[in-house]
Each structure stands twice: as structure tokens, then as C-alpha cells.
Amino acid sequence: MFENMTKTELYAILTGVFTASLIVSNIIAGKTFDFFSFVLPCGVIIFPVIYIVNDVLAEVYGYKKARNVILLGFFMNLVAVICYNITIALPAPVFFENSNAFSVVLGFTLRLLVASFAAYLVGSLVNAKMMVVLKNWDEDKLFLRCILSTLFGEGLDAIIFITIGFLGTMPMEALVLMIVAQALFKTVYEIIVYPITRHVIDSVKALPN
């Protein structure tokens, strides 16, 4: 799949995929859905792409380059949110009938915006850092690195996002269940797609610099 590319060329592509996936994730995260009686944010739909790329970046390119992509994703998402709000503020012509729907979908509340940004930064950076730390501890245990980094990173992501975004809007029991369900859902998903993650990492490692 990557045979004719170098690690440097692929790094640019992974950066684009990660950033685009993050922006999509933050657009759809404002809606929740029922999953076997557990309520989850719709942002989990695109989670596998984001965290596979995060794992590849940390495992192959190291923490510094992974952190740079994470911070770039944060900045570009901020640019997107600013553009959304400018667009919403601009007066629409009388024939444009979807102005309210546009505002509902893309008009983030300050609370959800803060929750999303804080959760993303902490969760992604912790995920990348743990991948590197565990690699230094034992380079052979890639499965353990991927799963533990996701469990800790996504655990913190869920705690921060759901607590800031939804505390006081639902019973505490439902809030805690939502946090646990989201963290476990993503960790189980990571286990399921691990063969893909392993294949991508091995393929990227085999590329010339």
C-alpha cells in the first residue's frame, strides 16, 4: 500500500488524515446515540481512524512529531470553529431556508467547545506519550502499548469531555455510565482493529526515510 512512498511523504499524508478526521469528529460529537442502552457521542464513529493514526505517529515518528500533528489538529479545528461562527453571523439571503439548521449543526456552544478541545488535547497527548514510554520499556509489546495508551488516553478524554460538556444536564449515574461506556467502547474497538493497526505500523516502519 505504501511501497512507493518514504516515511517523510507518508507523514504529510497522515497529518492531513488526522486533522480532517478530527474536524469531522468535533462536528458530529454534539449528537449522541443509543448503543444497547448506553448513550455515546457520535464522535466515536470516526475514533478508529484518529487513534490508529495517533498510534502510528507515536510508534514510528516519535512523541515530538506526534505532538506536532496533535497541536496542528487543535489549531485547524479552532480555525474551523471560528469560520463556522463567522458564517453563522453573516446575514443570509431571504431565499436561504436552512439558516437555522446550519446554526444548530455548526454553532457550538462555548461549553461543548471547551469540553471538546480540552478532552482532545489531554487524551491525544497522553495516548501518544504512553505509546513512546511503553515502547522504551519493552519494544516488543506493541499490542500492550496500543491498548493501554488507548485505555488511558480515551479514559481521560471521556472524563473531561463528558464532565465539562454534560454535567448538570443528566443524572450523575447516567453521566458516569456514559464516561465508562465511551472509554470501554473505544478500547474494545482498538482491540478489534489492532490487526489493522499492526499492519499499518509494520508497513510504515519498512519504508525508507
C-alpha atoms as a PDB file:
ATOM      1  CA  MET A   1       0.000   0.000   0.000  1.00  0.00           C
ATOM      2  CA  PHE A   2       2.834   2.392   0.882  1.00  0.00           C
ATOM      3  CA  GLU A   3       5.601   0.770  -1.199  1.00  0.00           C
ATOM      4  CA  ASN A   4       6.432   3.781  -3.363  1.00  0.00           C
ATOM      5  CA  MET A   5       6.499   6.312  -0.544  1.00  0.00           C
ATOM      6  CA  THR A   6       9.007   7.442   2.050  1.00  0.00           C
ATOM      7  CA  LYS A   7       8.289   7.934   5.735  1.00  0.00           C
ATOM      8  CA  THR A   8       8.550  11.685   5.215  1.00  0.00           C
ATOM      9  CA  GLU A   9       5.976  11.672   2.411  1.00  0.00           C
ATOM     10  CA  LEU A  10       3.613   9.498   4.422  1.00  0.00           C
ATOM     11  CA  TYR A  11       3.968  11.749   7.470  1.00  0.00           C
ATOM     12  CA  ALA A  12       2.411  14.600   5.468  1.00  0.00           C
ATOM     13  CA  ILE A  13      -0.495  12.368   4.406  1.00  0.00           C
ATOM     14  CA  LEU A  14      -1.076  11.094   7.949  1.00  0.00           C
ATOM     15  CA  THR A  15      -1.104  14.687   9.172  1.00  0.00           C
ATOM     16  CA  GLY A  16      -3.852  15.549   6.693  1.00  0.00           C
ATOM     17  CA  VAL A  17      -5.908  12.452   7.535  1.00  0.00           C
ATOM     18  CA  PHE A  18      -5.609  13.092  11.272  1.00  0.00           C
ATOM     19  CA  THR A  19      -6.573  16.761  11.008  1.00  0.00           C
ATOM     20  CA  ALA A  20      -9.541  16.147   8.709  1.00  0.00           C
ATOM     21  CA  SER A  21     -10.805  13.295  10.896  1.00  0.00           C
ATOM     22  CA  LEU A  22     -10.548  15.480  13.983  1.00  0.00           C
ATOM     23  CA  ILE A  23     -12.635  18.254  12.413  1.00  0.00           C
ATOM     24  CA  VAL A  24     -15.283  15.727  11.358  1.00  0.00           C
ATOM     25  CA  SER A  25     -15.244  14.221  14.856  1.00  0.00           C
ATOM     26  CA  ASN A  26     -15.882  17.548  16.535  1.00  0.00           C
ATOM     27  CA  ILE A  27     -18.779  18.341  14.178  1.00  0.00           C
ATOM     28  CA  ILE A  28     -20.608  15.095  14.897  1.00  0.00           C
ATOM     29  CA  ALA A  29     -19.705  14.880  18.618  1.00  0.00           C
ATOM     30  CA  GLY A  30     -22.570  17.206  19.546  1.00  0.00           C
ATOM     31  CA  LYS A  31     -25.075  14.417  18.847  1.00  0.00           C
ATOM     32  CA  THR A  32     -25.401  11.298  20.997  1.00  0.00           C
ATOM     33  CA  PHE A  33     -26.848   7.904  20.091  1.00  0.00           C
ATOM     34  CA  ASP A  34     -28.204   4.892  21.929  1.00  0.00           C
ATOM     35  CA  PHE A  35     -25.949   1.830  21.797  1.00  0.00           C
ATOM     36  CA  PHE A  36     -27.541  -1.144  23.581  1.00  0.00           C
ATOM     37  CA  SER A  37     -28.956   1.189  26.261  1.00  0.00           C
ATOM     38  CA  PHE A  38     -25.669   3.114  26.565  1.00  0.00           C
ATOM     39  CA  VAL A  39     -25.553   6.730  25.382  1.00  0.00           C
ATOM     40  CA  LEU A  40     -22.456   7.607  23.359  1.00  0.00           C
ATOM     41  CA  PRO A  41     -21.342  10.741  21.466  1.00  0.00           C
ATOM     42  CA  CYS A  42     -21.408  10.218  17.694  1.00  0.00           C
ATOM     43  CA  GLY A  43     -17.763  11.236  17.583  1.00  0.00           C
ATOM     44  CA  VAL A  44     -16.886   7.601  18.368  1.00  0.00           C
ATOM     45  CA  ILE A  45     -17.793   6.752  14.757  1.00  0.00           C
ATOM     46  CA  ILE A  46     -14.541   8.169  13.435  1.00  0.00           C
ATOM     47  CA  PHE A  47     -12.482   7.270  16.505  1.00  0.00           C
ATOM     48  CA  PRO A  48     -10.692   4.283  14.874  1.00  0.00           C
ATOM     49  CA  VAL A  49      -9.126   6.493  12.199  1.00  0.00           C
ATOM     50  CA  ILE A  50      -7.941   9.126  14.684  1.00  0.00           C
ATOM     51  CA  TYR A  51      -6.409   6.718  17.158  1.00  0.00           C
ATOM     52  CA  ILE A  52      -4.846   4.387  14.574  1.00  0.00           C
ATOM     53  CA  VAL A  53      -3.112   7.405  13.045  1.00  0.00           C
ATOM     54  CA  ASN A  54      -2.155   8.644  16.520  1.00  0.00           C
ATOM     55  CA  ASP A  55      -0.634   5.242  17.343  1.00  0.00           C
ATOM     56  CA  VAL A  56       1.252   5.126  14.039  1.00  0.00           C
ATOM     57  CA  LEU A  57       2.641   8.626  14.518  1.00  0.00           C
ATOM     58  CA  ALA A  58       3.845   7.925  18.053  1.00  0.00           C
ATOM     59  CA  GLU A  59       5.213   4.446  17.290  1.00  0.00           C
ATOM     60  CA  VAL A  60       7.008   5.288  14.027  1.00  0.00           C
ATOM     61  CA  TYR A  61       7.824   9.001  14.223  1.00  0.00           C
ATOM     62  CA  GLY A  62       8.187   9.547  17.979  1.00  0.00           C
ATOM     63  CA  TYR A  63       6.413  11.727  20.517  1.00  0.00           C
ATOM     64  CA  LYS A  64       7.673  15.098  19.243  1.00  0.00           C
ATOM     65  CA  LYS A  65       6.320  14.643  15.716  1.00  0.00           C
ATOM     66  CA  ALA A  66       3.097  13.108  17.016  1.00  0.00           C
ATOM     67  CA  ARG A  67       2.672  16.088  19.360  1.00  0.00           C
ATOM     68  CA  ASN A  68       3.205  18.497  16.450  1.00  0.00           C
ATOM     69  CA  VAL A  69       0.382  16.838  14.497  1.00  0.00           C
ATOM     70  CA  ILE A  70      -1.885  16.867  17.561  1.00  0.00           C
ATOM     71  CA  LEU A  71      -1.268  20.584  18.091  1.00  0.00           C
ATOM     72  CA  LEU A  72      -1.791  21.289  14.380  1.00  0.00           C
ATOM     73  CA  GLY A  73      -5.101  19.418  14.554  1.00  0.00           C
ATOM     74  CA  PHE A  74      -6.084  21.543  17.552  1.00  0.00           C
ATOM     75  CA  PHE A  75      -5.206  24.764  15.701  1.00  0.00           C
ATOM     76  CA  MET A  76      -7.032  23.783  12.490  1.00  0.00           C
ATOM     77  CA  ASN A  77     -10.121  22.784  14.462  1.00  0.00           C
ATOM     78  CA  LEU A  78     -10.026  26.190  16.142  1.00  0.00           C
ATOM     79  CA  VAL A  79      -9.805  27.824  12.695  1.00  0.00           C
ATOM     80  CA  ALA A  80     -12.799  25.737  11.566  1.00  0.00           C
ATOM     81  CA  VAL A  81     -14.865  26.788  14.589  1.00  0.00           C
ATOM     82  CA  ILE A  82     -14.026  30.459  14.011  1.00  0.00           C
ATOM     83  CA  CYS A  83     -15.084  30.124  10.367  1.00  0.00           C
ATOM     84  CA  TYR A  84     -18.334  28.392  11.389  1.00  0.00           C
ATOM     85  CA  ASN A  85     -19.220  31.227  13.727  1.00  0.00           C
ATOM     86  CA  ILE A  86     -18.353  33.956  11.219  1.00  0.00           C
ATOM     87  CA  THR A  87     -20.508  32.146   8.635  1.00  0.00           C
ATOM     88  CA  ILE A  88     -23.406  31.876  11.081  1.00  0.00           C
ATOM     89  CA  ALA A  89     -23.129  35.590  11.924  1.00  0.00           C
ATOM     90  CA  LEU A  90     -23.241  36.714   8.280  1.00  0.00           C
ATOM     91  CA  PRO A  91     -26.773  37.678   7.145  1.00  0.00           C
ATOM     92  CA  ALA A  92     -28.351  35.053   4.906  1.00  0.00           C
ATOM     93  CA  PRO A  93     -30.411  35.981   1.823  1.00  0.00           C
ATOM     94  CA  VAL A  94     -34.166  35.577   2.150  1.00  0.00           C
ATOM     95  CA  PHE A  95     -34.241  32.558  -0.173  1.00  0.00           C
ATOM     96  CA  PHE A  96     -31.819  30.561   2.031  1.00  0.00           C
ATOM     97  CA  GLU A  97     -34.191  28.489   4.159  1.00  0.00           C
ATOM     98  CA  ASN A  98     -31.670  26.403   6.094  1.00  0.00           C
ATOM     99  CA  SER A  99     -30.017  29.112   8.140  1.00  0.00           C
ATOM    100  CA  ASN A 100     -31.361  27.851  11.487  1.00  0.00           C
ATOM    101  CA  ALA A 101     -30.426  24.239  10.739  1.00  0.00           C
ATOM    102  CA  PHE A 102     -26.929  25.355   9.726  1.00  0.00           C
ATOM    103  CA  SER A 103     -26.570  27.221  13.015  1.00  0.00           C
ATOM    104  CA  VAL A 104     -27.803  24.265  15.066  1.00  0.00           C
ATOM    105  CA  VAL A 105     -25.330  21.825  13.490  1.00  0.00           C
ATOM    106  CA  LEU A 106     -22.242  24.044  13.394  1.00  0.00           C
ATOM    107  CA  GLY A 107     -22.968  26.550  16.151  1.00  0.00           C
ATOM    108  CA  PHE A 108     -21.017  25.017  19.028  1.00  0.00           C
ATOM    109  CA  THR A 109     -21.925  26.176  22.490  1.00  0.00           C
ATOM    110  CA  LEU A 110     -18.963  27.520  24.462  1.00  0.00           C
ATOM    111  CA  ARG A 111     -19.349  24.665  26.944  1.00  0.00           C
ATOM    112  CA  LEU A 112     -19.102  21.893  24.341  1.00  0.00           C
ATOM    113  CA  LEU A 113     -16.283  23.709  22.581  1.00  0.00           C
ATOM    114  CA  VAL A 114     -14.184  23.918  25.751  1.00  0.00           C
ATOM    115  CA  ALA A 115     -15.035  20.307  26.603  1.00  0.00           C
ATOM    116  CA  SER A 116     -14.062  19.066  23.151  1.00  0.00           C
ATOM    117  CA  PHE A 117     -10.778  20.997  22.944  1.00  0.00           C
ATOM    118  CA  ALA A 118      -9.648  20.117  26.469  1.00  0.00           C
ATOM    119  CA  ALA A 119     -10.525  16.431  26.091  1.00  0.00           C
ATOM    120  CA  TYR A 120      -8.817  16.202  22.714  1.00  0.00           C
ATOM    121  CA  LEU A 121      -5.559  17.783  23.839  1.00  0.00           C
ATOM    122  CA  VAL A 122      -5.233  15.757  27.025  1.00  0.00           C
ATOM    123  CA  GLY A 123      -6.436  12.456  25.565  1.00  0.00           C
ATOM    124  CA  SER A 124      -4.348  12.621  22.383  1.00  0.00           C
ATOM    125  CA  LEU A 125      -1.150  13.758  24.091  1.00  0.00           C
ATOM    126  CA  VAL A 126      -1.465  11.121  26.826  1.00  0.00           C
ATOM    127  CA  ASN A 127      -2.117   8.446  24.202  1.00  0.00           C
ATOM    128  CA  ALA A 128       0.983   9.429  22.216  1.00  0.00           C
ATOM    129  CA  LYS A 129       3.190   9.812  25.302  1.00  0.00           C
ATOM    130  CA  MET A 130       2.214   6.401  26.677  1.00  0.00           C
ATOM    131  CA  MET A 131       2.964   4.751  23.334  1.00  0.00           C
ATOM    132  CA  VAL A 132       6.512   6.135  23.464  1.00  0.00           C
ATOM    133  CA  VAL A 133       7.074   5.452  27.179  1.00  0.00           C
ATOM    134  CA  LEU A 134       5.869   1.846  26.889  1.00  0.00           C
ATOM    135  CA  LYS A 135       7.985   1.364  23.756  1.00  0.00           C
ATOM    136  CA  ASN A 136      11.093   2.401  25.707  1.00  0.00           C
ATOM    137  CA  TRP A 137      10.083  -0.034  28.447  1.00  0.00           C
ATOM    138  CA  ASP A 138       9.508  -3.008  26.118  1.00  0.00           C
ATOM    139  CA  GLU A 139       9.704  -2.519  22.358  1.00  0.00           C
ATOM    140  CA  ASP A 140       8.238  -5.939  21.525  1.00  0.00           C
ATOM    141  CA  LYS A 141       4.834  -5.479  23.149  1.00  0.00           C
ATOM    142  CA  LEU A 142       3.031  -3.387  20.531  1.00  0.00           C
ATOM    143  CA  PHE A 143      -0.399  -4.803  21.415  1.00  0.00           C
ATOM    144  CA  LEU A 144       0.030  -3.790  25.050  1.00  0.00           C
ATOM    145  CA  ARG A 145       1.172  -0.292  24.020  1.00  0.00           C
ATOM    146  CA  CYS A 146      -1.798   0.263  21.712  1.00  0.00           C
ATOM    147  CA  ILE A 147      -4.402  -0.951  24.187  1.00  0.00           C
ATOM    148  CA  LEU A 148      -3.040   0.698  27.346  1.00  0.00           C
ATOM    149  CA  SER A 149      -2.406   4.017  25.594  1.00  0.00           C
ATOM    150  CA  THR A 150      -5.979   3.983  24.276  1.00  0.00           C
ATOM    151  CA  LEU A 151      -7.423   2.999  27.646  1.00  0.00           C
ATOM    152  CA  PHE A 152      -5.653   5.847  29.468  1.00  0.00           C
ATOM    153  CA  GLY A 153      -5.969   8.410  26.684  1.00  0.00           C
ATOM    154  CA  GLU A 154      -9.615   7.661  25.980  1.00  0.00           C
ATOM    155  CA  GLY A 155     -10.416   7.355  29.669  1.00  0.00           C
ATOM    156  CA  LEU A 156      -9.177  10.890  30.246  1.00  0.00           C
ATOM    157  CA  ASP A 157     -10.830  12.105  27.034  1.00  0.00           C
ATOM    158  CA  ALA A 158     -14.191  10.686  28.148  1.00  0.00           C
ATOM    159  CA  ILE A 159     -13.924  12.020  31.696  1.00  0.00           C
ATOM    160  CA  ILE A 160     -13.021  15.545  30.547  1.00  0.00           C
ATOM    161  CA  PHE A 161     -15.417  15.841  27.587  1.00  0.00           C
ATOM    162  CA  ILE A 162     -18.483  14.335  29.221  1.00  0.00           C
ATOM    163  CA  THR A 163     -17.962  16.017  32.599  1.00  0.00           C
ATOM    164  CA  ILE A 164     -17.440  19.508  31.148  1.00  0.00           C
ATOM    165  CA  GLY A 165     -19.984  19.073  28.367  1.00  0.00           C
ATOM    166  CA  PHE A 166     -22.855  17.338  30.156  1.00  0.00           C
ATOM    167  CA  LEU A 167     -22.501  17.733  33.939  1.00  0.00           C
ATOM    168  CA  GLY A 168     -25.804  19.038  35.308  1.00  0.00           C
ATOM    169  CA  THR A 169     -27.752  18.130  32.159  1.00  0.00           C
ATOM    170  CA  MET A 170     -28.364  14.499  33.159  1.00  0.00           C
ATOM    171  CA  PRO A 171     -28.418  12.358  36.325  1.00  0.00           C
ATOM    172  CA  MET A 172     -24.956  11.632  37.777  1.00  0.00           C
ATOM    173  CA  GLU A 173     -25.478   7.899  37.289  1.00  0.00           C
ATOM    174  CA  ALA A 174     -26.126   8.417  33.590  1.00  0.00           C
ATOM    175  CA  LEU A 175     -23.056  10.668  33.334  1.00  0.00           C
ATOM    176  CA  VAL A 176     -20.771   8.060  34.906  1.00  0.00           C
ATOM    177  CA  LEU A 177     -22.208   5.299  32.718  1.00  0.00           C
ATOM    178  CA  MET A 178     -21.644   7.463  29.649  1.00  0.00           C
ATOM    179  CA  ILE A 179     -17.984   8.013  30.615  1.00  0.00           C
ATOM    180  CA  VAL A 180     -17.365   4.305  31.273  1.00  0.00           C
ATOM    181  CA  ALA A 181     -19.242   3.223  28.147  1.00  0.00           C
ATOM    182  CA  GLN A 182     -17.323   5.598  25.884  1.00  0.00           C
ATOM    183  CA  ALA A 183     -13.898   4.613  27.266  1.00  0.00           C
ATOM    184  CA  LEU A 184     -14.667   0.882  27.106  1.00  0.00           C
ATOM    185  CA  PHE A 185     -16.278   1.138  23.672  1.00  0.00           C
ATOM    186  CA  LYS A 186     -13.188   2.786  22.206  1.00  0.00           C
ATOM    187  CA  THR A 187     -10.799   0.394  23.942  1.00  0.00           C
ATOM    188  CA  VAL A 188     -12.713  -2.646  22.669  1.00  0.00           C
ATOM    189  CA  TYR A 189     -12.767  -1.070  19.220  1.00  0.00           C
ATOM    190  CA  GLU A 190      -8.993  -0.625  19.412  1.00  0.00           C
ATOM    191  CA  ILE A 191      -8.618  -4.324  20.272  1.00  0.00           C
ATOM    192  CA  ILE A 192     -10.807  -5.316  17.309  1.00  0.00           C
ATOM    193  CA  VAL A 193      -8.896  -3.177  14.800  1.00  0.00           C
ATOM    194  CA  TYR A 194      -5.462  -3.976  16.279  1.00  0.00           C
ATOM    195  CA  PRO A 195      -4.517  -6.247  13.323  1.00  0.00           C
ATOM    196  CA  ILE A 196      -5.056  -3.257  11.023  1.00  0.00           C
ATOM    197  CA  THR A 197      -3.025  -1.001  13.317  1.00  0.00           C
ATOM    198  CA  ARG A 198      -0.215  -3.576  13.440  1.00  0.00           C
ATOM    199  CA  HIS A 199      -0.212  -3.984   9.668  1.00  0.00           C
ATOM    200  CA  VAL A 200      -0.090  -0.224   9.072  1.00  0.00           C
ATOM    201  CA  ILE A 201       2.711   0.285  11.621  1.00  0.00           C
ATOM    202  CA  ASP A 202       4.803  -2.564  10.188  1.00  0.00           C
ATOM    203  CA  SER A 203       4.268  -1.256   6.644  1.00  0.00           C
ATOM    204  CA  VAL A 204       5.303   2.275   7.598  1.00  0.00           C
ATOM    205  CA  LYS A 205       8.372   1.078   9.532  1.00  0.00           C
ATOM    206  CA  ALA A 206       9.559  -0.783   6.406  1.00  0.00           C
ATOM    207  CA  LEU A 207       9.589   2.411   4.322  1.00  0.00           C
ATOM    208  CA  PRO A 208      12.775   4.325   3.587  1.00  0.00           C
ATOM    209  CA  ASN A 209      13.211   7.664   5.364  1.00  0.00           C
END
